[in-house]
Amino acid sequence: MIKWQIKQKLYLLKENFEQVPDELYRAAKVDGTSDLKYLLKVMVPICRPTIVTVTILKIIECWNSYVWPRLITDDPAYYLVSNGIQEIRENGFGRENIPEGGCVVCPNHKHNSDPPLAACGISNRHSIRIMAKKELFEIRGLSWLITWLGAFPVDRSRADLTAIKTALQAVKDGNKLLIFPQGTRGASENEAKDGAAMLALKTKAPIVPMYITEKKEKHGRVNVIIGKPFLPDPKSKDYAALSQEIMRRIYELKPEEER
């Protein structure tokens, strides 16, 4: 089925390209036009209706691929990634606990899939800024994508003042700041950096704990649970104590079946 759809689109483009007179190519070469310029300046404008049609068909195909699994099965054991994402978007798992205005969202962190799961849990109805390690921005092709999604880099090897200022401004502007208190994957329940606590105290913003399933298994259920927000004591300067309180509230959300 997939091969037939690809061949169909290639056939439409091939037939349209073949209808362009060869004289146009020869005239362009006489003028010194390169093959790439001829393709972009001549072929693409002439074949624009077909290209737009193929693009629309591809968008419809992608949408159908996203919706189709939800139509053919109601057994969670056979759900695909699209089912899980849609379930998170629809069910919320405590999404009503997300306050209006700026706040600091603090999930636990065990897997590379945790950032997108946390972002989906917050939903696209809220503006999100994500503090991410600077190494991710050194990966070609990934940097522009995560920047577009709202991430900004932080250097974990030192006190990154630029990242701190960006985070403080993000919360003051009313964004949901997503930061992992543990700082890295594989940290224990009691390990936490002081970054999230410091940002919450300096902005006087509420802290929203979030728990994400740590033992992810194939065809297994993944929980994204958002707890009730709480306001730390604005007079406190004990970042370590607040960090431990954040971790305690995160793991209080852990379902019984995962304990």
Protein backbone atom coordinates (compact mmCIF):
# COMPACT_ATOMS: atom_id res chain seq x y z
CA MET A 1 0.00 0.00 0.00
CA ILE A 2 2.77 2.42 0.96
CA LYS A 3 4.80 1.58 -2.16
CA TRP A 4 1.73 2.19 -4.33
CA GLN A 5 1.17 5.62 -2.76
CA ILE A 6 4.81 6.59 -3.37
CA LYS A 7 4.67 5.37 -6.98
CA GLN A 8 1.42 7.30 -7.52
CA LYS A 9 2.99 10.59 -6.44
CA LEU A 10 6.16 9.98 -8.43
CA TYR A 11 4.04 9.16 -11.48
CA LEU A 12 2.10 12.44 -11.16
CA LEU A 13 5.33 14.46 -10.92
CA LYS A 14 7.02 12.54 -13.76
CA GLU A 15 4.11 13.02 -16.15
CA ASN A 16 3.89 16.71 -15.35
CA PHE A 17 7.64 17.27 -15.81
CA GLU A 18 7.59 15.47 -19.17
CA GLN A 19 4.98 17.91 -20.47
CA VAL A 20 7.42 20.80 -20.17
CA PRO A 21 8.84 21.48 -23.67
CA ASP A 22 12.50 20.58 -24.19
CA GLU A 23 12.96 23.89 -26.01
CA LEU A 24 12.73 25.71 -22.68
CA TYR A 25 15.69 23.73 -21.35
CA ARG A 26 17.78 24.38 -24.47
CA ALA A 27 16.98 28.09 -24.36
CA ALA A 28 17.94 28.23 -20.70
CA LYS A 29 21.27 26.52 -21.37
CA VAL A 30 22.01 28.99 -24.17
CA ASP A 31 21.54 31.76 -21.61
CA GLY A 32 24.02 30.00 -19.32
CA THR A 33 21.50 28.76 -16.75
CA SER A 34 22.61 25.90 -14.51
CA ASP A 35 20.48 22.78 -14.12
CA LEU A 36 19.60 23.69 -10.54
CA LYS A 37 18.52 27.21 -11.48
CA TYR A 38 16.49 25.82 -14.40
CA LEU A 39 14.74 23.43 -12.00
CA LEU A 40 13.92 26.15 -9.47
CA LYS A 41 13.12 29.02 -11.86
CA VAL A 42 11.38 27.17 -14.68
CA MET A 43 10.28 23.65 -13.83
CA VAL A 44 8.94 24.29 -10.32
CA PRO A 45 6.78 27.33 -11.25
CA ILE A 46 5.33 25.50 -14.29
CA CYS A 47 4.59 22.36 -12.26
CA ARG A 48 3.42 24.19 -9.16
CA PRO A 49 -0.22 22.95 -9.31
CA THR A 50 0.93 19.32 -9.39
CA ILE A 51 3.47 19.88 -6.60
CA VAL A 52 0.79 21.51 -4.44
CA THR A 53 -1.59 18.62 -5.17
CA VAL A 54 1.03 16.02 -4.23
CA THR A 55 1.81 17.95 -1.03
CA ILE A 56 -1.87 18.03 -0.03
CA LEU A 57 -2.20 14.30 -0.72
CA LYS A 58 0.86 13.64 1.45
CA ILE A 59 -0.55 15.72 4.31
CA ILE A 60 -3.83 13.79 4.13
CA GLU A 61 -1.87 10.53 4.07
CA CYS A 62 0.11 11.50 7.18
CA TRP A 63 -3.05 12.54 9.01
CA ASN A 64 -4.76 9.25 8.14
CA SER A 65 -1.71 7.35 9.39
CA TYR A 66 -2.00 9.24 12.67
CA VAL A 67 -5.73 8.61 13.15
CA TRP A 68 -5.98 5.11 11.68
CA PRO A 69 -4.56 3.15 14.68
CA ARG A 70 -7.22 4.65 16.97
CA LEU A 71 -9.94 3.39 14.66
CA ILE A 72 -8.88 -0.24 14.37
CA THR A 73 -8.00 -1.17 17.97
CA ASP A 74 -9.00 -0.33 21.53
CA ASP A 75 -6.44 -2.67 23.07
CA PRO A 76 -3.60 -0.66 24.72
CA ALA A 77 -1.22 -3.55 23.99
CA TYR A 78 -1.40 -2.66 20.28
CA TYR A 79 -1.30 1.11 20.59
CA LEU A 80 1.30 2.97 18.55
CA VAL A 81 3.18 6.14 19.52
CA SER A 82 0.41 8.27 18.00
CA ASN A 83 -2.12 6.59 20.31
CA GLY A 84 -0.03 7.37 23.36
CA ILE A 85 0.49 11.00 22.39
CA GLN A 86 -3.20 11.48 21.70
CA GLU A 87 -4.15 9.85 25.00
CA ILE A 88 -1.84 12.22 26.88
CA ARG A 89 -3.29 15.21 25.00
CA GLU A 90 -6.91 14.15 25.66
CA ASN A 91 -6.85 12.72 29.17
CA GLY A 92 -4.50 15.18 30.82
CA PHE A 93 -3.62 13.16 33.96
CA GLY A 94 -3.89 16.26 36.12
CA ARG A 95 -3.59 18.91 33.44
CA GLU A 96 -6.18 20.95 35.30
CA ASN A 97 -3.49 21.52 37.96
CA ILE A 98 -1.43 23.70 35.61
CA PRO A 99 -1.92 27.28 36.86
CA GLU A 100 -2.40 30.35 34.74
CA GLY A 101 0.66 32.49 34.17
CA GLY A 102 4.29 31.59 34.65
CA CYS A 103 5.29 28.53 36.64
CA VAL A 104 8.15 26.05 37.00
CA VAL A 105 7.24 22.52 35.86
CA CYS A 106 9.49 19.86 37.44
CA PRO A 107 9.35 16.28 36.10
CA ASN A 108 11.57 13.35 37.02
CA HIS A 109 14.10 12.26 34.39
CA LYS A 110 15.13 8.71 33.44
CA HIS A 111 14.89 8.46 29.64
CA ASN A 112 15.48 10.53 26.50
CA SER A 113 11.73 10.36 25.82
CA ASP A 114 10.88 12.30 29.00
CA PRO A 115 11.15 15.86 27.54
CA PRO A 116 8.65 15.30 24.68
CA LEU A 117 6.32 13.36 27.01
CA ALA A 118 6.41 16.21 29.53
CA ALA A 119 5.76 18.78 26.80
CA CYS A 120 2.78 16.76 25.52
CA GLY A 121 1.48 16.50 29.08
CA ILE A 122 1.45 20.27 29.42
CA SER A 123 -0.38 20.45 26.05
CA ASN A 124 -0.12 22.97 23.24
CA ARG A 125 -2.50 25.40 24.96
CA HIS A 126 0.34 26.72 27.09
CA SER A 127 3.51 28.47 26.03
CA ILE A 128 6.48 26.32 27.04
CA ARG A 129 10.18 27.06 27.48
CA ILE A 130 12.48 24.09 28.07
CA MET A 131 15.91 24.20 29.67
CA ALA A 132 18.04 21.65 27.79
CA LYS A 133 21.69 20.67 27.98
CA LYS A 134 23.89 22.54 25.52
CA GLU A 135 25.17 19.30 23.94
CA LEU A 136 21.80 18.84 22.22
CA PHE A 137 22.30 22.15 20.38
CA GLU A 138 25.56 20.85 18.91
CA ILE A 139 23.75 18.12 16.96
CA ARG A 140 23.25 19.25 13.37
CA GLY A 141 19.59 19.27 12.37
CA LEU A 142 18.35 18.98 15.95
CA SER A 143 19.37 22.42 17.17
CA TRP A 144 16.92 24.43 15.04
CA LEU A 145 14.07 22.00 15.84
CA ILE A 146 14.34 22.13 19.63
CA THR A 147 14.91 25.90 19.50
CA TRP A 148 11.71 26.24 17.49
CA LEU A 149 9.92 24.10 20.10
CA GLY A 150 10.97 26.50 22.86
CA ALA A 151 14.19 24.99 24.22
CA PHE A 152 17.25 27.00 25.19
CA PRO A 153 20.73 25.71 26.12
CA VAL A 154 22.31 25.48 29.55
CA ASP A 155 25.91 24.61 30.34
CA ARG A 156 25.69 22.13 33.23
CA SER A 157 29.43 22.31 33.95
CA ARG A 158 29.24 25.84 35.36
CA ALA A 159 26.90 28.54 36.55
CA ASP A 160 25.39 29.55 33.21
CA LEU A 161 24.21 33.12 33.79
CA THR A 162 22.77 33.46 30.27
CA ALA A 163 20.57 30.38 30.74
CA ILE A 164 19.49 31.59 34.20
CA LYS A 165 18.49 35.01 32.84
CA THR A 166 16.59 33.38 29.98
CA ALA A 167 14.74 31.10 32.39
CA LEU A 168 13.85 33.93 34.77
CA GLN A 169 12.53 36.07 31.91
CA ALA A 170 10.54 33.14 30.51
CA VAL A 171 8.67 32.68 33.80
CA LYS A 172 8.13 36.43 34.22
CA ASP A 173 6.64 36.51 30.69
CA GLY A 174 4.03 33.93 31.72
CA ASN A 175 5.60 30.83 30.15
CA LYS A 176 5.69 27.34 31.63
CA LEU A 177 9.34 26.62 32.34
CA LEU A 178 10.15 22.93 32.00
CA ILE A 179 13.23 21.96 34.00
CA PHE A 180 14.35 18.57 35.30
CA PRO A 181 15.45 18.97 38.96
CA GLN A 182 17.64 15.85 38.82
CA GLY A 183 19.71 17.50 36.09
CA THR A 184 20.52 14.30 34.26
CA ARG A 185 19.18 10.84 33.49
CA GLY A 186 19.83 8.05 35.94
CA ALA A 187 19.82 10.14 39.12
CA SER A 188 18.13 8.60 42.16
CA GLU A 189 14.91 9.84 43.74
CA ASN A 190 16.81 11.80 46.36
CA GLU A 191 19.29 13.46 43.98
CA ALA A 192 18.43 16.96 42.81
CA LYS A 193 20.21 20.08 41.65
CA ASP A 194 19.33 23.48 43.09
CA GLY A 195 18.42 25.08 39.73
CA ALA A 196 14.66 24.55 39.80
CA ALA A 197 14.38 25.67 43.43
CA MET A 198 16.47 28.77 42.81
CA LEU A 199 14.41 29.81 39.77
CA ALA A 200 11.12 29.29 41.60
CA LEU A 201 12.24 31.36 44.59
CA LYS A 202 13.63 34.19 42.50
CA THR A 203 10.50 34.45 40.34
CA LYS A 204 8.07 33.67 43.22
CA ALA A 205 6.31 31.36 40.76
CA PRO A 206 4.40 28.20 41.68
CA ILE A 207 6.13 24.85 41.26
CA VAL A 208 4.25 22.09 39.43
CA PRO A 209 5.53 18.55 40.13
CA MET A 210 5.19 15.98 37.34
CA TYR A 211 5.81 12.25 37.37
CA ILE A 212 6.69 10.27 34.22
CA THR A 213 6.83 6.47 34.18
CA GLU A 214 10.45 5.41 34.72
CA LYS A 215 10.32 1.75 33.66
CA LYS A 216 9.13 2.09 30.10
CA GLU A 217 8.43 -1.22 28.38
CA LYS A 218 7.40 -2.17 24.87
CA HIS A 219 3.60 -2.02 24.60
CA GLY A 220 3.56 -0.85 28.23
CA ARG A 221 1.55 2.01 29.63
CA VAL A 222 3.33 5.32 30.23
CA ASN A 223 1.88 7.63 32.87
CA VAL A 224 2.38 11.39 32.78
CA ILE A 225 0.85 12.71 36.00
CA ILE A 226 0.74 16.39 36.92
CA GLY A 227 0.48 17.23 40.61
CA LYS A 228 -1.00 20.24 42.35
CA PRO A 229 1.14 23.40 42.25
CA PHE A 230 2.63 24.76 45.44
CA LEU A 231 4.29 28.04 46.38
CA PRO A 232 7.56 27.87 48.29
CA ASP A 233 8.29 30.25 51.15
CA PRO A 234 9.59 33.41 49.38
CA LYS A 235 11.76 34.24 52.41
CA SER A 236 13.59 30.93 52.28
CA LYS A 237 17.06 30.70 50.76
CA ASP A 238 17.54 27.00 51.44
CA TYR A 239 17.66 25.74 47.85
CA ALA A 240 18.70 22.21 48.88
CA ALA A 241 15.69 21.76 51.19
CA LEU A 242 13.29 23.03 48.53
CA SER A 243 14.89 20.74 45.94
CA GLN A 244 14.25 17.75 48.20
CA GLU A 245 10.66 18.89 48.71
CA ILE A 246 10.18 19.06 44.94
CA MET A 247 11.51 15.50 44.52
CA ARG A 248 9.27 14.27 47.35
CA ARG A 249 6.19 15.75 45.69
CA ILE A 250 7.18 14.31 42.31
CA TYR A 251 7.47 10.76 43.62
CA GLU A 252 4.28 11.08 45.66
CA LEU A 253 2.55 11.04 42.26
CA LYS A 254 4.02 7.63 41.41
CA PRO A 255 1.16 5.14 40.87
CA GLU A 256 0.89 2.12 43.13
CA GLU A 257 1.48 -0.32 40.27
CA GLU A 258 4.93 1.21 39.71
CA ARG A 259 6.08 1.13 43.33
